[in-house]
PDB file of all heavy atoms in Angstrom:
ATOM      1  N   ALA A   1       0.920  -0.747  -7.170  1.00  0.00           N
ATOM      2  CA  ALA A   1       1.125   0.420  -8.041  1.00  0.00           C
ATOM      3  C   ALA A   1      -0.168   0.812  -8.748  1.00  0.00           C
ATOM      4  O   ALA A   1      -0.492   2.011  -8.850  1.00  0.00           O
ATOM      5  CB  ALA A   1       2.219   0.121  -9.063  1.00  0.00           C
ATOM      6  N   LEU A   2      -0.916  -0.173  -9.231  1.00  0.00           N
ATOM      7  CA  LEU A   2      -2.190   0.132  -9.887  1.00  0.00           C
ATOM      8  C   LEU A   2      -3.155   0.806  -8.918  1.00  0.00           C
ATOM      9  O   LEU A   2      -3.842   1.772  -9.269  1.00  0.00           O
ATOM     10  CB  LEU A   2      -2.810  -1.143 -10.446  1.00  0.00           C
ATOM     11  CG  LEU A   2      -2.199  -1.660 -11.759  1.00  0.00           C
ATOM     12  CD1 LEU A   2      -2.744  -3.046 -12.084  1.00  0.00           C
ATOM     13  CD2 LEU A   2      -2.473  -0.696 -12.901  1.00  0.00           C
ATOM     14  N   ARG A   3      -3.200   0.303  -7.713  1.00  0.00           N
ATOM     15  CA  ARG A   3      -4.081   0.896  -6.708  1.00  0.00           C
ATOM     16  C   ARG A   3      -3.659   2.344  -6.424  1.00  0.00           C
ATOM     17  O   ARG A   3      -4.506   3.253  -6.308  1.00  0.00           O
ATOM     18  CB  ARG A   3      -4.011   0.052  -5.432  1.00  0.00           C
ATOM     19  CG  ARG A   3      -4.896   0.530  -4.302  1.00  0.00           C
ATOM     20  CD  ARG A   3      -4.831  -0.463  -3.143  1.00  0.00           C
ATOM     21  NE  ARG A   3      -5.508   0.019  -1.954  1.00  0.00           N
ATOM     22  CZ  ARG A   3      -5.507  -0.612  -0.779  1.00  0.00           C
ATOM     23  NH1 ARG A   3      -4.859  -1.781  -0.670  1.00  0.00           N
ATOM     24  NH2 ARG A   3      -6.137  -0.116   0.254  1.00  0.00           N
ATOM     25  N   TRP A   4      -2.344   2.580  -6.339  1.00  0.00           N
ATOM     26  CA  TRP A   4      -1.801   3.910  -6.059  1.00  0.00           C
ATOM     27  C   TRP A   4      -2.138   4.884  -7.191  1.00  0.00           C
ATOM     28  O   TRP A   4      -2.660   5.973  -6.978  1.00  0.00           O
ATOM     29  CB  TRP A   4      -0.294   3.778  -5.885  1.00  0.00           C
ATOM     30  CG  TRP A   4       0.435   4.976  -5.366  1.00  0.00           C
ATOM     31  CD1 TRP A   4       1.267   5.807  -6.067  1.00  0.00           C
ATOM     32  CD2 TRP A   4       0.444   5.466  -4.006  1.00  0.00           C
ATOM     33  NE1 TRP A   4       1.787   6.776  -5.246  1.00  0.00           N
ATOM     34  CE2 TRP A   4       1.302   6.594  -3.970  1.00  0.00           C
ATOM     35  CE3 TRP A   4      -0.188   5.064  -2.834  1.00  0.00           C
ATOM     36  CZ2 TRP A   4       1.538   7.308  -2.801  1.00  0.00           C
ATOM     37  CZ3 TRP A   4       0.051   5.778  -1.670  1.00  0.00           C
ATOM     38  CH2 TRP A   4       0.896   6.879  -1.661  1.00  0.00           C
ATOM     39  N   PHE A   5      -1.867   4.461  -8.428  1.00  0.00           N
ATOM     40  CA  PHE A   5      -2.077   5.350  -9.565  1.00  0.00           C
ATOM     41  C   PHE A   5      -3.558   5.504  -9.917  1.00  0.00           C
ATOM     42  O   PHE A   5      -3.979   6.571 -10.366  1.00  0.00           O
ATOM     43  CB  PHE A   5      -1.299   4.852 -10.781  1.00  0.00           C
ATOM     44  CG  PHE A   5       0.191   5.052 -10.654  1.00  0.00           C
ATOM     45  CD1 PHE A   5       1.072   4.026 -10.965  1.00  0.00           C
ATOM     46  CD2 PHE A   5       0.709   6.262 -10.224  1.00  0.00           C
ATOM     47  CE1 PHE A   5       2.447   4.219 -10.854  1.00  0.00           C
ATOM     48  CE2 PHE A   5       2.081   6.458 -10.104  1.00  0.00           C
ATOM     49  CZ  PHE A   5       2.950   5.427 -10.425  1.00  0.00           C
ATOM     50  N   ASP A   6      -4.357   4.440  -9.724  1.00  0.00           N
ATOM     51  CA  ASP A   6      -5.804   4.585  -9.975  1.00  0.00           C
ATOM     52  C   ASP A   6      -6.395   5.671  -9.091  1.00  0.00           C
ATOM     53  O   ASP A   6      -7.291   6.407  -9.502  1.00  0.00           O
ATOM     54  CB  ASP A   6      -6.524   3.253  -9.727  1.00  0.00           C
ATOM     55  CG  ASP A   6      -6.406   2.291 -10.900  1.00  0.00           C
ATOM     56  OD1 ASP A   6      -5.976   2.742 -11.981  1.00  0.00           O
ATOM     57  OD2 ASP A   6      -6.729   1.107 -10.733  1.00  0.00           O
ATOM     58  N   HIS A   7      -5.891   5.767  -7.861  1.00  0.00           N
ATOM     59  CA  HIS A   7      -6.406   6.791  -6.948  1.00  0.00           C
ATOM     60  C   HIS A   7      -5.948   8.186  -7.379  1.00  0.00           C
ATOM     61  O   HIS A   7      -6.762   9.110  -7.535  1.00  0.00           O
ATOM     62  CB  HIS A   7      -5.942   6.500  -5.525  1.00  0.00           C
ATOM     63  CG  HIS A   7      -6.313   7.560  -4.542  1.00  0.00           C
ATOM     64  ND1 HIS A   7      -7.567   7.645  -3.966  1.00  0.00           N
ATOM     65  CD2 HIS A   7      -5.610   8.619  -4.039  1.00  0.00           C
ATOM     66  CE1 HIS A   7      -7.622   8.689  -3.156  1.00  0.00           C
ATOM     67  NE2 HIS A   7      -6.440   9.295  -3.181  1.00  0.00           N
ATOM     68  N   TYR A   8      -4.627   8.350  -7.585  1.00  0.00           N
ATOM     69  CA  TYR A   8      -4.094   9.693  -7.807  1.00  0.00           C
ATOM     70  C   TYR A   8      -4.222  10.171  -9.244  1.00  0.00           C
ATOM     71  O   TYR A   8      -4.244  11.375  -9.505  1.00  0.00           O
ATOM     72  CB  TYR A   8      -2.630   9.762  -7.347  1.00  0.00           C
ATOM     73  CG  TYR A   8      -2.501   9.744  -5.840  1.00  0.00           C
ATOM     74  CD1 TYR A   8      -2.047   8.616  -5.160  1.00  0.00           C
ATOM     75  CD2 TYR A   8      -2.883  10.854  -5.096  1.00  0.00           C
ATOM     76  CE1 TYR A   8      -1.948   8.602  -3.771  1.00  0.00           C
ATOM     77  CE2 TYR A   8      -2.803  10.844  -3.703  1.00  0.00           C
ATOM     78  CZ  TYR A   8      -2.340   9.721  -3.054  1.00  0.00           C
ATOM     79  OH  TYR A   8      -2.265   9.711  -1.684  1.00  0.00           O
ATOM     80  N   LEU A   9      -4.327   9.258 -10.209  1.00  0.00           N
ATOM     81  CA  LEU A   9      -4.440   9.670 -11.600  1.00  0.00           C
ATOM     82  C   LEU A   9      -5.879   9.625 -12.114  1.00  0.00           C
ATOM     83  O   LEU A   9      -6.267  10.438 -12.944  1.00  0.00           O
ATOM     84  CB  LEU A   9      -3.558   8.790 -12.494  1.00  0.00           C
ATOM     85  CG  LEU A   9      -2.096   9.233 -12.625  1.00  0.00           C
ATOM     86  CD1 LEU A   9      -1.374   9.088 -11.293  1.00  0.00           C
ATOM     87  CD2 LEU A   9      -1.384   8.423 -13.694  1.00  0.00           C
ATOM     88  N   LYS A  10      -6.662   8.648 -11.614  1.00  0.00           N
ATOM     89  CA  LYS A  10      -8.029   8.489 -12.119  1.00  0.00           C
ATOM     90  C   LYS A  10      -9.099   8.947 -11.134  1.00  0.00           C
ATOM     91  O   LYS A  10     -10.275   8.985 -11.479  1.00  0.00           O
ATOM     92  CB  LYS A  10      -8.272   7.018 -12.476  1.00  0.00           C
ATOM     93  CG  LYS A  10      -7.436   6.525 -13.655  1.00  0.00           C
ATOM     94  CD  LYS A  10      -7.847   5.111 -14.034  1.00  0.00           C
ATOM     95  CE  LYS A  10      -7.134   4.640 -15.283  1.00  0.00           C
ATOM     96  NZ  LYS A  10      -7.582   3.281 -15.701  1.00  0.00           N
ATOM     97  N   GLY A  11      -8.677   9.216  -9.899  1.00  0.00           N
ATOM     98  CA  GLY A  11      -9.647   9.654  -8.906  1.00  0.00           C
ATOM     99  C   GLY A  11     -10.512   8.530  -8.372  1.00  0.00           C
ATOM    100  O   GLY A  11     -11.579   8.780  -7.787  1.00  0.00           O
ATOM    101  N   MET A  12     -10.110   7.285  -8.568  1.00  0.00           N
ATOM    102  CA  MET A  12     -10.885   6.147  -8.080  1.00  0.00           C
ATOM    103  C   MET A  12     -10.674   5.971  -6.576  1.00  0.00           C
ATOM    104  O   MET A  12      -9.607   6.270  -6.043  1.00  0.00           O
ATOM    105  CB  MET A  12     -10.461   4.865  -8.818  1.00  0.00           C
ATOM    106  CG  MET A  12     -10.729   4.911 -10.321  1.00  0.00           C
ATOM    107  SD  MET A  12      -9.966   3.540 -11.216  1.00  0.00           S
ATOM    108  CE  MET A  12     -10.758   2.142 -10.421  1.00  0.00           C
ATOM    109  N   ASP A  13     -11.695   5.474  -5.914  1.00  0.00           N
ATOM    110  CA  ASP A  13     -11.602   5.244  -4.473  1.00  0.00           C
ATOM    111  C   ASP A  13     -10.989   3.859  -4.236  1.00  0.00           C
ATOM    112  O   ASP A  13     -11.695   2.861  -4.118  1.00  0.00           O
ATOM    113  CB  ASP A  13     -12.988   5.334  -3.819  1.00  0.00           C
ATOM    114  CG  ASP A  13     -12.905   5.156  -2.303  1.00  0.00           C
ATOM    115  OD1 ASP A  13     -11.773   5.196  -1.770  1.00  0.00           O
ATOM    116  OD2 ASP A  13     -13.963   4.978  -1.669  1.00  0.00           O
ATOM    117  N   THR A  14      -9.671   3.802  -4.212  1.00  0.00           N
ATOM    118  CA  THR A  14      -8.986   2.524  -3.966  1.00  0.00           C
ATOM    119  C   THR A  14      -8.486   2.430  -2.522  1.00  0.00           C
ATOM    120  O   THR A  14      -7.706   1.550  -2.201  1.00  0.00           O
ATOM    121  CB  THR A  14      -7.793   2.368  -4.923  1.00  0.00           C
ATOM    122  OG1 THR A  14      -6.889   3.463  -4.718  1.00  0.00           O
ATOM    123  CG2 THR A  14      -8.260   2.358  -6.378  1.00  0.00           C
ATOM    124  N   ARG A  15      -8.919   3.354  -1.695  1.00  0.00           N
ATOM    125  CA  ARG A  15      -8.620   3.350  -0.258  1.00  0.00           C
ATOM    126  C   ARG A  15      -7.111   3.296   0.014  1.00  0.00           C
ATOM    127  O   ARG A  15      -6.622   2.501   0.819  1.00  0.00           O
ATOM    128  CB  ARG A  15      -9.341   2.203   0.447  1.00  0.00           C
ATOM    129  CG  ARG A  15     -10.862   2.258   0.316  1.00  0.00           C
ATOM    130  CD  ARG A  15     -11.562   1.243   1.215  1.00  0.00           C
ATOM    131  NE  ARG A  15     -11.300   1.514   2.623  1.00  0.00           N
ATOM    132  CZ  ARG A  15     -10.803   0.609   3.469  1.00  0.00           C
ATOM    133  NH1 ARG A  15     -10.487  -0.602   3.047  1.00  0.00           N
ATOM    134  NH2 ARG A  15     -10.596   0.920   4.730  1.00  0.00           N
ATOM    135  N   VAL A  16      -6.367   4.143  -0.675  1.00  0.00           N
ATOM    136  CA  VAL A  16      -4.930   4.169  -0.436  1.00  0.00           C
ATOM    137  C   VAL A  16      -4.603   4.636   0.979  1.00  0.00           C
ATOM    138  O   VAL A  16      -3.529   4.330   1.515  1.00  0.00           O
ATOM    139  CB  VAL A  16      -4.203   5.054  -1.465  1.00  0.00           C
ATOM    140  CG1 VAL A  16      -4.318   4.479  -2.855  1.00  0.00           C
ATOM    141  CG2 VAL A  16      -4.707   6.490  -1.411  1.00  0.00           C
ATOM    142  N   ASP A  17      -5.544   5.382   1.593  1.00  0.00           N
ATOM    143  CA  ASP A  17      -5.304   5.816   2.962  1.00  0.00           C
ATOM    144  C   ASP A  17      -5.283   4.648   3.938  1.00  0.00           C
ATOM    145  O   ASP A  17      -4.750   4.759   5.047  1.00  0.00           O
ATOM    146  CB  ASP A  17      -6.376   6.827   3.389  1.00  0.00           C
ATOM    147  CG  ASP A  17      -7.782   6.267   3.272  1.00  0.00           C
ATOM    148  OD1 ASP A  17      -8.028   5.485   2.336  1.00  0.00           O
ATOM    149  OD2 ASP A  17      -8.634   6.627   4.116  1.00  0.00           O
ATOM    150  N   ALA A  18      -5.835   3.501   3.530  1.00  0.00           N
ATOM    151  CA  ALA A  18      -5.838   2.319   4.389  1.00  0.00           C
ATOM    152  C   ALA A  18      -4.541   1.518   4.286  1.00  0.00           C
ATOM    153  O   ALA A  18      -4.317   0.603   5.084  1.00  0.00           O
ATOM    154  CB  ALA A  18      -7.023   1.417   4.040  1.00  0.00           C
ATOM    155  N   ILE A  19      -3.697   1.837   3.305  1.00  0.00           N
ATOM    156  CA  ILE A  19      -2.405   1.161   3.198  1.00  0.00           C
ATOM    157  C   ILE A  19      -1.530   1.606   4.363  1.00  0.00           C
ATOM    158  O   ILE A  19      -1.405   2.803   4.627  1.00  0.00           O
ATOM    159  CB  ILE A  19      -1.708   1.506   1.866  1.00  0.00           C
ATOM    160  CG1 ILE A  19      -2.564   1.039   0.678  1.00  0.00           C
ATOM    161  CG2 ILE A  19      -0.320   0.874   1.792  1.00  0.00           C
ATOM    162  CD1 ILE A  19      -2.007   1.456  -0.671  1.00  0.00           C
ATOM    163  N   PRO A  20      -0.927   0.681   5.097  1.00  0.00           N
ATOM    164  CA  PRO A  20      -0.070   1.083   6.225  1.00  0.00           C
ATOM    165  C   PRO A  20       1.047   2.012   5.764  1.00  0.00           C
ATOM    166  O   PRO A  20       1.562   1.890   4.649  1.00  0.00           O
ATOM    167  CB  PRO A  20       0.499  -0.245   6.734  1.00  0.00           C
ATOM    168  CG  PRO A  20      -0.481  -1.282   6.278  1.00  0.00           C
ATOM    169  CD  PRO A  20      -1.020  -0.787   4.973  1.00  0.00           C
ATOM    170  N   ASP A  21       1.402   2.960   6.625  1.00  0.00           N
ATOM    171  CA  ASP A  21       2.466   3.895   6.271  1.00  0.00           C
ATOM    172  C   ASP A  21       3.795   3.160   6.060  1.00  0.00           C
ATOM    173  O   ASP A  21       4.549   3.483   5.143  1.00  0.00           O
ATOM    174  CB  ASP A  21       2.621   4.960   7.358  1.00  0.00           C
ATOM    175  CG  ASP A  21       1.455   5.939   7.360  1.00  0.00           C
ATOM    176  OD1 ASP A  21       0.793   6.078   6.320  1.00  0.00           O
ATOM    177  OD2 ASP A  21       1.203   6.540   8.416  1.00  0.00           O
ATOM    178  N   VAL A  22       4.084   2.196   6.917  1.00  0.00           N
ATOM    179  CA  VAL A  22       5.343   1.460   6.813  1.00  0.00           C
ATOM    180  C   VAL A  22       5.075  -0.030   6.984  1.00  0.00           C
ATOM    181  O   VAL A  22       4.442  -0.452   7.957  1.00  0.00           O
ATOM    182  CB  VAL A  22       6.366   1.918   7.878  1.00  0.00           C
ATOM    183  CG1 VAL A  22       7.663   1.105   7.768  1.00  0.00           C
ATOM    184  CG2 VAL A  22       6.669   3.398   7.729  1.00  0.00           C
ATOM    185  N   THR A  23       5.545  -0.805   6.034  1.00  0.00           N
ATOM    186  CA  THR A  23       5.504  -2.264   6.121  1.00  0.00           C
ATOM    187  C   THR A  23       6.916  -2.770   5.859  1.00  0.00           C
ATOM    188  O   THR A  23       7.509  -2.460   4.827  1.00  0.00           O
ATOM    189  CB  THR A  23       4.541  -2.865   5.084  1.00  0.00           C
ATOM    190  OG1 THR A  23       3.240  -2.285   5.259  1.00  0.00           O
ATOM    191  CG2 THR A  23       4.446  -4.375   5.248  1.00  0.00           C
ATOM    192  N   GLN A  24       7.462  -3.524   6.811  1.00  0.00           N
ATOM    193  CA  GLN A  24       8.813  -4.055   6.665  1.00  0.00           C
ATOM    194  C   GLN A  24       8.830  -5.556   6.889  1.00  0.00           C
ATOM    195  O   GLN A  24       8.096  -6.074   7.725  1.00  0.00           O
ATOM    196  CB  GLN A  24       9.778  -3.420   7.676  1.00  0.00           C
ATOM    197  CG  GLN A  24      10.292  -2.058   7.330  1.00  0.00           C
ATOM    198  CD  GLN A  24      11.558  -1.710   8.092  1.00  0.00           C
ATOM    199  OE1 GLN A  24      12.659  -1.919   7.615  1.00  0.00           O
ATOM    200  NE2 GLN A  24      11.399  -1.175   9.281  1.00  0.00           N
ATOM    201  N   TYR A  25       9.690  -6.218   6.145  1.00  0.00           N
ATOM    202  CA  TYR A  25       9.947  -7.628   6.405  1.00  0.00           C
ATOM    203  C   TYR A  25      10.828  -7.726   7.644  1.00  0.00           C
ATOM    204  O   TYR A  25      11.780  -6.964   7.811  1.00  0.00           O
ATOM    205  CB  TYR A  25      10.671  -8.247   5.214  1.00  0.00           C
ATOM    206  CG  TYR A  25      10.707  -9.754   5.233  1.00  0.00           C
ATOM    207  CD1 TYR A  25       9.647 -10.496   4.729  1.00  0.00           C
ATOM    208  CD2 TYR A  25      11.811 -10.443   5.734  1.00  0.00           C
ATOM    209  CE1 TYR A  25       9.674 -11.880   4.719  1.00  0.00           C
ATOM    210  CE2 TYR A  25      11.855 -11.821   5.734  1.00  0.00           C
ATOM    211  CZ  TYR A  25      10.789 -12.536   5.223  1.00  0.00           C
ATOM    212  OH  TYR A  25      10.821 -13.916   5.229  1.00  0.00           O
ATOM    213  N   LEU A  26      10.511  -8.638   8.540  1.00  0.00           N
ATOM    214  CA  LEU A  26      11.268  -8.813   9.774  1.00  0.00           C
ATOM    215  C   LEU A  26      12.107 -10.082   9.651  1.00  0.00           C
ATOM    216  O   LEU A  26      11.585 -11.199   9.706  1.00  0.00           O
ATOM    217  CB  LEU A  26      10.327  -8.887  10.974  1.00  0.00           C
ATOM    218  CG  LEU A  26      10.978  -8.867  12.359  1.00  0.00           C
ATOM    219  CD1 LEU A  26      11.769  -7.565  12.562  1.00  0.00           C
ATOM    220  CD2 LEU A  26       9.926  -8.993  13.458  1.00  0.00           C
ATOM    221  N   LEU A  27      13.399  -9.902   9.452  1.00  0.00           N
ATOM    222  CA  LEU A  27      14.302 -11.044   9.371  1.00  0.00           C
ATOM    223  C   LEU A  27      14.293 -11.800  10.701  1.00  0.00           C
ATOM    224  O   LEU A  27      14.273 -11.200  11.769  1.00  0.00           O
ATOM    225  CB  LEU A  27      15.725 -10.564   9.056  1.00  0.00           C
ATOM    226  CG  LEU A  27      15.903  -9.796   7.744  1.00  0.00           C
ATOM    227  CD1 LEU A  27      17.300  -9.184   7.672  1.00  0.00           C
ATOM    228  CD2 LEU A  27      15.652 -10.703   6.551  1.00  0.00           C
ATOM    229  N   GLY A  28      14.309 -13.099  10.627  1.00  0.00           N
ATOM    230  CA  GLY A  28      14.256 -13.905  11.840  1.00  0.00           C
ATOM    231  C   GLY A  28      12.848 -14.364  12.146  1.00  0.00           C
ATOM    232  O   GLY A  28      12.619 -15.506  12.525  1.00  0.00           O
ATOM    233  N   ARG A  29      11.885 -13.455  11.961  1.00  0.00           N
ATOM    234  CA  ARG A  29      10.484 -13.847  12.077  1.00  0.00           C
ATOM    235  C   ARG A  29       9.948 -14.244  10.707  1.00  0.00           C
ATOM    236  O   ARG A  29       8.906 -14.879  10.605  1.00  0.00           O
ATOM    237  CB  ARG A  29       9.667 -12.702  12.676  1.00  0.00           C
ATOM    238  CG  ARG A  29       8.450 -13.150  13.462  1.00  0.00           C
ATOM    239  CD  ARG A  29       7.784 -11.967  14.158  1.00  0.00           C
ATOM    240  NE  ARG A  29       8.366 -11.698  15.464  1.00  0.00           N
ATOM    241  CZ  ARG A  29       8.134 -10.591  16.158  1.00  0.00           C
ATOM    242  NH1 ARG A  29       7.359  -9.653  15.666  1.00  0.00           N
ATOM    243  NH2 ARG A  29       8.690 -10.416  17.336  1.00  0.00           N
ATOM    244  N   GLU A  30      10.675 -13.829   9.664  1.00  0.00           N
ATOM    245  CA  GLU A  30      10.419 -14.202   8.271  1.00  0.00           C
ATOM    246  C   GLU A  30       8.988 -13.891   7.834  1.00  0.00           C
ATOM    247  O   GLU A  30       8.292 -14.725   7.271  1.00  0.00           O
ATOM    248  CB  GLU A  30      10.743 -15.693   8.030  1.00  0.00           C
ATOM    249  CG  GLU A  30      12.099 -16.140   8.536  1.00  0.00           C
ATOM    250  CD  GLU A  30      13.251 -15.269   8.052  1.00  0.00           C
ATOM    251  OE1 GLU A  30      13.170 -14.723   6.942  1.00  0.00           O
ATOM    252  OE2 GLU A  30      14.232 -15.117   8.813  1.00  0.00           O
ATOM    253  N   ARG A  31       8.572 -12.670   8.084  1.00  0.00           N
ATOM    254  CA  ARG A  31       7.257 -12.242   7.656  1.00  0.00           C
ATOM    255  C   ARG A  31       7.220 -10.712   7.601  1.00  0.00           C
ATOM    256  O   ARG A  31       8.064 -10.035   8.191  1.00  0.00           O
ATOM    257  CB  ARG A  31       6.159 -12.761   8.591  1.00  0.00           C
ATOM    258  CG  ARG A  31       6.267 -12.290  10.032  1.00  0.00           C
ATOM    259  CD  ARG A  31       5.028 -12.672  10.862  1.00  0.00           C
ATOM    260  NE  ARG A  31       3.890 -11.841  10.504  1.00  0.00           N
ATOM    261  CZ  ARG A  31       2.788 -12.295   9.890  1.00  0.00           C
ATOM    262  NH1 ARG A  31       2.681 -13.561   9.574  1.00  0.00           N
ATOM    263  NH2 ARG A  31       1.793 -11.472   9.600  1.00  0.00           N
ATOM    264  N   TYR A  32       6.234 -10.199   6.857  1.00  0.00           N
ATOM    265  CA  TYR A  32       6.025  -8.757   6.790  1.00  0.00           C
ATOM    266  C   TYR A  32       5.224  -8.306   8.008  1.00  0.00           C
ATOM    267  O   TYR A  32       4.268  -8.978   8.419  1.00  0.00           O
ATOM    268  CB  TYR A  32       5.267  -8.380   5.516  1.00  0.00           C
ATOM    269  CG  TYR A  32       6.097  -8.527   4.269  1.00  0.00           C
ATOM    270  CD1 TYR A  32       6.107  -9.730   3.562  1.00  0.00           C
ATOM    271  CD2 TYR A  32       6.869  -7.471   3.796  1.00  0.00           C
ATOM    272  CE1 TYR A  32       6.876  -9.873   2.414  1.00  0.00           C
ATOM    273  CE2 TYR A  32       7.636  -7.607   2.649  1.00  0.00           C
ATOM    274  CZ  TYR A  32       7.636  -8.812   1.968  1.00  0.00           C
ATOM    275  OH  TYR A  32       8.406  -8.949   0.839  1.00  0.00           O
TER     276      TYR A  32
END
């Protein structure tokens, strides 16, 4: 959240574009 808001509210380069569009936990494999 800090990374998200620092970019959009403060104009800081926190590279939010590098955050994957979708990250899901995979049940059974037990990992993101």
